[in-house]
């Protein structure tokens, strides 16, 4: 199985970079896929495999310009699955980047932060 996944950004889908070897996962851009479940299926599959044997430290980065409610649900499903890493005694941190002038993305980050027990940091870019 590949240790990395890369999906190029389109007008409606985000850039996805997943490096299981380094334990760094990143989703950036706009997430408005017609079928969010199908679009994020390989991402969730990669994470499930990674959770079986995670690195001592894992970082999940969101750098979103905009996303729809279907994407929100997929983000929460992924973060819920990643909570299993904590149960294995490993470290995991989510970093939510947002533009300092984008209060909507800041608020959405705060909302998602409240739904997970994972260490969650909001940062301005």
Protein backbone atom coordinates (compact mmCIF):
# COMPACT_ATOMS: atom_id res chain seq x y z
CA UNK A 1 0.00 0.00 0.00
CA UNK A 2 1.26 3.46 -0.83
CA UNK A 3 2.59 5.59 2.02
CA UNK A 4 1.38 8.79 0.38
CA UNK A 5 -1.81 10.03 -1.24
CA UNK A 6 -1.99 13.17 -3.30
CA UNK A 7 -5.16 14.58 -4.85
CA UNK A 8 -4.79 17.76 -6.88
CA UNK A 9 -7.12 20.64 -6.09
CA UNK A 10 -9.94 21.47 -8.51
CA UNK A 11 -12.49 24.27 -8.49
CA UNK A 12 -14.82 22.15 -6.29
CA UNK A 13 -12.46 19.81 -4.45
CA UNK A 14 -9.54 20.42 -2.11
CA UNK A 15 -5.91 19.50 -2.41
CA UNK A 16 -5.24 16.43 -0.27
CA UNK A 17 -1.76 15.46 0.85
CA UNK A 18 -1.38 12.42 3.05
CA UNK A 19 2.03 11.15 4.08
CA UNK A 20 1.60 8.16 6.36
CA UNK A 21 5.36 7.72 6.73
CA UNK A 22 5.75 11.24 8.18
CA UNK A 23 2.35 11.23 9.93
CA UNK A 24 1.32 14.48 8.25
CA UNK A 25 -2.06 14.88 6.58
CA UNK A 26 -3.32 18.07 4.94
CA UNK A 27 -6.55 19.18 3.29
CA UNK A 28 -6.59 22.64 1.72
CA UNK A 29 -8.67 24.81 -0.58
CA UNK A 30 -12.38 24.53 -1.34
CA UNK A 31 -14.41 21.43 -0.57
CA UNK A 32 -17.66 21.33 -2.51
CA UNK A 33 -17.63 17.85 -4.04
CA UNK A 34 -20.86 16.60 -5.56
CA UNK A 35 -20.51 13.41 -3.52
CA UNK A 36 -18.44 14.14 -0.40
CA UNK A 37 -18.64 10.56 0.87
CA UNK A 38 -17.16 9.23 -2.38
CA UNK A 39 -14.54 11.99 -2.64
CA UNK A 40 -13.26 11.44 0.91
CA UNK A 41 -13.45 7.62 0.78
CA UNK A 42 -9.74 7.15 -0.14
CA UNK A 43 -8.78 9.66 2.56
CA UNK A 44 -10.75 7.76 5.21
CA UNK A 45 -9.33 4.44 3.95
CA UNK A 46 -5.80 5.84 4.26
CA UNK A 47 -6.51 7.09 7.79
CA UNK A 48 -8.03 3.79 8.88
CA UNK A 49 -4.91 1.97 7.71
CA UNK A 50 -2.70 4.53 9.43
CA UNK A 51 -4.62 4.27 12.73
CA UNK A 52 -3.66 0.58 12.85
CA UNK A 53 0.00 1.55 13.16
CA UNK A 54 0.33 5.29 13.81
CA UNK A 55 3.54 7.24 14.23
CA UNK A 56 4.41 8.50 17.73
CA UNK A 57 3.21 11.93 16.58
CA UNK A 58 0.57 12.81 13.98
CA UNK A 59 -0.44 16.16 12.53
CA UNK A 60 -3.66 16.84 10.61
CA UNK A 61 -3.77 20.24 8.89
CA UNK A 62 -6.84 21.99 7.52
CA UNK A 63 -6.32 25.09 5.42
CA UNK A 64 -9.78 25.65 4.03
CA UNK A 65 -11.05 28.59 2.00
CA UNK A 66 -14.61 27.28 2.00
CA UNK A 67 -16.49 24.00 2.42
CA UNK A 68 -20.05 22.73 2.43
CA UNK A 69 -21.99 20.90 5.14
CA UNK A 70 -21.40 17.51 3.50
CA UNK A 71 -17.65 18.13 3.83
CA UNK A 72 -18.11 19.15 7.48
CA UNK A 73 -19.61 15.75 8.18
CA UNK A 74 -16.66 14.01 6.51
CA UNK A 75 -14.16 16.09 8.51
CA UNK A 76 -15.90 15.10 11.75
CA UNK A 77 -15.96 11.42 10.74
CA UNK A 78 -12.21 11.57 10.03
CA UNK A 79 -11.41 13.32 13.31
CA UNK A 80 -13.56 10.88 15.26
CA UNK A 81 -11.62 8.00 13.74
CA UNK A 82 -8.32 9.72 14.53
CA UNK A 83 -9.27 9.88 18.22
CA UNK A 84 -8.29 6.18 18.28
CA UNK A 85 -4.66 7.34 18.03
CA UNK A 86 -5.00 8.96 21.44
CA UNK A 87 -6.29 5.68 22.84
CA UNK A 88 -3.05 4.05 21.66
CA UNK A 89 -1.05 6.53 23.74
CA UNK A 90 0.23 8.43 20.69
CA UNK A 91 0.14 12.17 20.08
CA UNK A 92 -2.13 13.81 17.53
CA UNK A 93 -2.66 17.47 16.79
CA UNK A 94 -5.05 19.23 14.43
CA UNK A 95 -4.02 22.61 13.06
CA UNK A 96 -6.81 24.72 11.56
CA UNK A 97 -5.43 27.58 9.47
CA UNK A 98 -7.68 30.47 8.50
CA UNK A 99 -7.25 33.88 6.91
CA UNK A 100 -7.24 36.58 9.61
CA UNK A 101 -10.05 38.37 7.78
CA UNK A 102 -12.22 35.27 7.42
CA UNK A 103 -14.35 35.08 10.56
CA UNK A 104 -16.53 32.35 9.03
CA UNK A 105 -13.59 29.93 8.73
CA UNK A 106 -12.44 30.88 12.22
CA UNK A 107 -15.93 30.15 13.60
CA UNK A 108 -16.12 26.86 11.69
CA UNK A 109 -12.76 25.85 13.13
CA UNK A 110 -14.01 26.65 16.64
CA UNK A 111 -17.13 24.59 15.97
CA UNK A 112 -15.20 21.54 14.79
CA UNK A 113 -12.73 21.95 17.67
CA UNK A 114 -15.63 21.61 20.11
CA UNK A 115 -16.57 18.24 18.57
CA UNK A 116 -13.26 16.46 19.14
CA UNK A 117 -11.00 15.53 22.03
CA UNK A 118 -7.91 15.86 19.81
CA UNK A 119 -5.51 18.72 20.53
CA UNK A 120 -6.78 21.43 18.18
CA UNK A 121 -4.99 24.66 17.36
CA UNK A 122 -6.38 27.55 15.34
CA UNK A 123 -3.75 29.58 13.49
CA UNK A 124 -3.92 32.63 11.29
CA UNK A 125 -2.16 32.54 7.91
